[in-house]
């Protein structure tokens, strides 16, 4: 029996919402990498739909971070402002 190599991973374009959302949270200290993935997914959902607030998106992610979630939301909002996306 032979095995095939895994398919190559295609990166999102630098200006895609996915790349932006996950880039906003890439250096936020979380207890597990999956916590950061959930946070990035919720930020992506907020960027896509613009429903609710960033605070609600951060809270609904259920991410366990070393910072209080209010500070995480403020940090994400600041980064969005810096990129002109608020």
N, C-alpha and C. Protein backbone atom coordinates (compact mmCIF):
# COMPACT_ATOMS: atom_id res chain seq x y z
N UNK A 1 0.85 -1.17 0.00
CA UNK A 1 0.00 0.00 0.00
C UNK A 1 0.90 1.24 0.00
N UNK A 2 0.54 2.22 -0.82
CA UNK A 2 1.31 3.45 -0.87
C UNK A 2 0.48 4.59 -0.31
N UNK A 3 1.16 5.59 0.16
CA UNK A 3 0.47 6.77 0.65
C UNK A 3 0.87 7.96 -0.19
N UNK A 4 -0.04 8.84 -0.35
CA UNK A 4 0.22 10.04 -1.12
C UNK A 4 0.59 11.17 -0.17
N UNK A 5 1.40 12.11 -0.63
CA UNK A 5 1.72 13.26 0.23
C UNK A 5 0.47 14.14 0.41
N UNK A 6 0.45 14.84 1.48
CA UNK A 6 -0.67 15.75 1.76
C UNK A 6 -0.71 16.85 0.71
N UNK A 7 -1.89 17.33 0.37
CA UNK A 7 -1.97 18.41 -0.61
C UNK A 7 -1.37 19.70 -0.04
N UNK A 8 -0.91 20.53 -0.93
CA UNK A 8 -0.33 21.81 -0.52
C UNK A 8 -1.42 22.72 0.04
N UNK A 9 -1.06 23.54 0.98
CA UNK A 9 -2.00 24.48 1.59
C UNK A 9 -1.93 25.79 0.82
N UNK A 10 -3.08 26.24 0.36
CA UNK A 10 -3.14 27.51 -0.37
C UNK A 10 -3.39 28.64 0.62
N UNK A 11 -2.55 29.63 0.59
CA UNK A 11 -2.70 30.80 1.46
C UNK A 11 -3.77 31.73 0.90
N UNK A 12 -4.47 32.42 1.81
CA UNK A 12 -5.41 33.45 1.39
C UNK A 12 -4.63 34.65 0.90
N UNK A 13 -5.26 35.43 0.05
CA UNK A 13 -4.65 36.68 -0.43
C UNK A 13 -4.46 37.62 0.76
N UNK A 14 -3.45 38.47 0.70
CA UNK A 14 -3.12 39.36 1.81
C UNK A 14 -4.25 40.32 2.15
N UNK A 15 -5.10 40.66 1.18
CA UNK A 15 -6.18 41.61 1.45
C UNK A 15 -7.53 40.92 1.69
N UNK A 16 -7.53 39.60 1.87
CA UNK A 16 -8.78 38.90 2.13
C UNK A 16 -9.20 39.08 3.60
N UNK A 17 -10.48 38.99 3.85
CA UNK A 17 -10.98 39.15 5.23
C UNK A 17 -10.42 38.08 6.15
N UNK A 18 -10.25 36.88 5.63
CA UNK A 18 -9.71 35.79 6.44
C UNK A 18 -8.31 36.12 6.93
N UNK A 19 -7.47 36.56 6.00
CA UNK A 19 -6.08 36.87 6.35
C UNK A 19 -6.02 38.05 7.32
N UNK A 20 -6.87 39.04 7.11
CA UNK A 20 -6.91 40.20 8.01
C UNK A 20 -7.35 39.79 9.40
N UNK A 21 -8.44 39.02 9.49
CA UNK A 21 -8.99 38.63 10.80
C UNK A 21 -7.99 37.81 11.60
N UNK A 22 -7.40 36.80 10.97
CA UNK A 22 -6.45 35.96 11.70
C UNK A 22 -5.16 36.72 11.98
N UNK A 23 -4.81 37.69 11.15
CA UNK A 23 -3.64 38.53 11.40
C UNK A 23 -3.83 39.45 12.60
N UNK A 24 -5.08 39.88 12.82
CA UNK A 24 -5.37 40.76 13.95
C UNK A 24 -5.14 40.06 15.29
N UNK A 25 -5.31 38.74 15.31
CA UNK A 25 -5.24 38.01 16.58
C UNK A 25 -4.02 37.11 16.69
N UNK A 26 -3.12 37.15 15.70
CA UNK A 26 -2.03 36.18 15.65
C UNK A 26 -1.08 36.24 16.84
N UNK A 27 -0.92 37.39 17.47
CA UNK A 27 0.03 37.48 18.59
C UNK A 27 -0.65 37.66 19.94
N UNK A 28 -1.96 37.45 20.00
CA UNK A 28 -2.66 37.52 21.28
C UNK A 28 -2.39 36.21 22.03
N UNK A 29 -1.90 36.34 23.24
CA UNK A 29 -1.52 35.17 24.02
C UNK A 29 -2.76 34.40 24.46
N UNK A 30 -2.84 33.14 24.02
CA UNK A 30 -3.94 32.26 24.41
C UNK A 30 -3.35 31.00 25.04
N UNK A 31 -4.19 30.26 25.74
CA UNK A 31 -3.70 29.05 26.40
C UNK A 31 -3.44 27.92 25.40
N UNK A 32 -4.22 27.87 24.34
CA UNK A 32 -4.02 26.88 23.29
C UNK A 32 -4.16 27.57 21.94
N UNK A 33 -3.53 27.02 20.92
CA UNK A 33 -3.62 27.64 19.60
C UNK A 33 -5.05 27.62 19.07
N UNK A 34 -5.83 26.63 19.45
CA UNK A 34 -7.22 26.57 19.00
C UNK A 34 -8.04 27.74 19.57
N UNK A 35 -7.67 28.24 20.74
CA UNK A 35 -8.34 29.42 21.29
C UNK A 35 -8.13 30.61 20.35
N UNK A 36 -6.94 30.75 19.81
CA UNK A 36 -6.64 31.83 18.87
C UNK A 36 -7.40 31.62 17.55
N UNK A 37 -7.52 30.38 17.13
CA UNK A 37 -8.28 30.08 15.91
C UNK A 37 -9.75 30.45 16.07
N UNK A 38 -10.33 30.12 17.22
CA UNK A 38 -11.74 30.48 17.47
C UNK A 38 -11.92 31.98 17.51
N UNK A 39 -10.98 32.67 18.11
CA UNK A 39 -11.03 34.12 18.17
C UNK A 39 -10.94 34.72 16.77
N UNK A 40 -10.01 34.23 15.97
CA UNK A 40 -9.88 34.70 14.60
C UNK A 40 -11.13 34.44 13.78
N UNK A 41 -11.74 33.29 13.98
CA UNK A 41 -12.97 32.95 13.26
C UNK A 41 -14.10 33.91 13.61
N UNK A 42 -14.24 34.24 14.88
CA UNK A 42 -15.29 35.16 15.30
C UNK A 42 -15.03 36.57 14.77
N UNK A 43 -13.78 36.99 14.74
CA UNK A 43 -13.45 38.31 14.18
C UNK A 43 -13.75 38.31 12.68
N UNK A 44 -13.41 37.22 11.99
CA UNK A 44 -13.73 37.11 10.57
C UNK A 44 -15.24 37.21 10.35
N UNK A 45 -16.01 36.52 11.18
CA UNK A 45 -17.47 36.60 11.06
C UNK A 45 -17.98 38.01 11.27
N UNK A 46 -17.38 38.72 12.21
CA UNK A 46 -17.80 40.10 12.45
C UNK A 46 -17.43 40.99 11.26
N UNK A 47 -16.25 40.82 10.72
CA UNK A 47 -15.84 41.61 9.56
C UNK A 47 -16.75 41.34 8.35
N UNK A 48 -17.16 40.12 8.22
CA UNK A 48 -17.99 39.72 7.08
C UNK A 48 -19.42 40.24 7.20
N UNK A 49 -20.02 40.10 8.38
CA UNK A 49 -21.43 40.43 8.58
C UNK A 49 -21.67 41.79 9.22
N UNK A 50 -20.72 42.25 10.03
CA UNK A 50 -20.86 43.50 10.79
C UNK A 50 -22.11 43.48 11.68
N UNK A 51 -22.35 42.34 12.30
CA UNK A 51 -23.47 42.23 13.24
C UNK A 51 -22.92 42.26 14.66
N UNK A 52 -23.60 42.98 15.51
CA UNK A 52 -23.15 43.08 16.89
C UNK A 52 -21.92 43.95 17.00
N UNK A 53 -21.15 43.67 18.04
CA UNK A 53 -19.94 44.45 18.31
C UNK A 53 -18.73 43.51 18.36
N UNK A 54 -17.56 44.12 18.31
CA UNK A 54 -16.34 43.33 18.48
C UNK A 54 -16.33 42.66 19.84
N UNK A 55 -16.79 43.37 20.85
CA UNK A 55 -16.84 42.79 22.19
C UNK A 55 -17.67 41.52 22.21
N UNK A 56 -18.83 41.54 21.53
CA UNK A 56 -19.68 40.35 21.47
C UNK A 56 -18.99 39.22 20.72
N UNK A 57 -18.28 39.56 19.65
CA UNK A 57 -17.57 38.53 18.88
C UNK A 57 -16.48 37.88 19.74
N UNK A 58 -15.75 38.70 20.48
CA UNK A 58 -14.69 38.17 21.34
C UNK A 58 -15.28 37.30 22.44
N UNK A 59 -16.36 37.76 23.05
CA UNK A 59 -17.00 36.97 24.12
C UNK A 59 -17.54 35.65 23.58
N UNK A 60 -18.15 35.68 22.40
CA UNK A 60 -18.75 34.46 21.86
C UNK A 60 -17.70 33.46 21.37
N UNK A 61 -16.47 33.90 21.20
CA UNK A 61 -15.42 32.97 20.77
C UNK A 61 -15.10 31.94 21.85
N UNK A 62 -15.29 32.34 23.09
CA UNK A 62 -14.97 31.43 24.20
C UNK A 62 -13.47 31.20 24.35
N UNK A 63 -12.67 32.06 23.78
CA UNK A 63 -11.22 31.91 23.84
C UNK A 63 -10.70 32.18 25.23
N UNK A 64 -9.74 31.37 25.63
CA UNK A 64 -9.08 31.57 26.92
C UNK A 64 -7.77 32.27 26.66
N UNK A 65 -7.71 33.52 27.10
CA UNK A 65 -6.52 34.34 26.86
C UNK A 65 -5.90 34.74 28.18
N UNK A 66 -4.66 35.22 28.08
CA UNK A 66 -3.97 35.71 29.27
C UNK A 66 -4.43 37.11 29.65
N UNK A 67 -5.07 37.80 28.72
CA UNK A 67 -5.63 39.13 28.97
C UNK A 67 -7.12 39.02 29.22
N UNK A 68 -7.69 39.96 29.96
CA UNK A 68 -9.15 39.98 30.06
C UNK A 68 -9.76 40.20 28.67
N UNK A 69 -10.91 39.60 28.42
CA UNK A 69 -11.52 39.68 27.10
C UNK A 69 -11.86 41.11 26.69
N UNK A 70 -12.11 41.98 27.66
CA UNK A 70 -12.38 43.40 27.36
C UNK A 70 -11.13 44.04 26.75
N UNK A 71 -9.97 43.70 27.28
CA UNK A 71 -8.72 44.23 26.74
C UNK A 71 -8.42 43.65 25.35
N UNK A 72 -8.76 42.38 25.15
CA UNK A 72 -8.57 41.76 23.84
C UNK A 72 -9.42 42.49 22.80
N UNK A 73 -10.68 42.77 23.15
CA UNK A 73 -11.57 43.49 22.24
C UNK A 73 -11.03 44.88 21.94
N UNK A 74 -10.53 45.57 22.96
CA UNK A 74 -9.97 46.91 22.75
C UNK A 74 -8.74 46.85 21.84
N UNK A 75 -7.91 45.84 22.00
CA UNK A 75 -6.72 45.67 21.18
C UNK A 75 -7.11 45.41 19.71
N UNK A 76 -8.11 44.57 19.50
CA UNK A 76 -8.56 44.28 18.14
C UNK A 76 -9.16 45.54 17.51
N UNK A 77 -9.94 46.30 18.28
CA UNK A 77 -10.52 47.54 17.75
C UNK A 77 -9.43 48.53 17.37
N UNK A 78 -8.39 48.62 18.18
CA UNK A 78 -7.28 49.52 17.87
C UNK A 78 -6.59 49.09 16.58
N UNK A 79 -6.37 47.80 16.43
CA UNK A 79 -5.72 47.29 15.22
C UNK A 79 -6.59 47.53 13.99
N UNK A 80 -7.89 47.39 14.14
CA UNK A 80 -8.81 47.68 13.04
C UNK A 80 -8.75 49.16 12.66
N UNK A 81 -8.70 50.04 13.67
CA UNK A 81 -8.57 51.47 13.41
C UNK A 81 -7.25 51.79 12.70
N UNK A 82 -6.18 51.13 13.13
CA UNK A 82 -4.87 51.35 12.50
C UNK A 82 -4.88 50.97 11.02
N UNK A 83 -5.70 49.98 10.69
CA UNK A 83 -5.79 49.52 9.29
C UNK A 83 -6.90 50.24 8.53
N UNK A 84 -7.60 51.13 9.21
CA UNK A 84 -8.68 51.88 8.57
C UNK A 84 -9.91 51.05 8.28
N UNK A 85 -10.18 50.06 9.11
CA UNK A 85 -11.29 49.14 8.86
C UNK A 85 -12.39 49.21 9.91
N UNK A 86 -12.37 50.18 10.76
CA UNK A 86 -13.37 50.21 11.84
C UNK A 86 -14.72 50.67 11.38
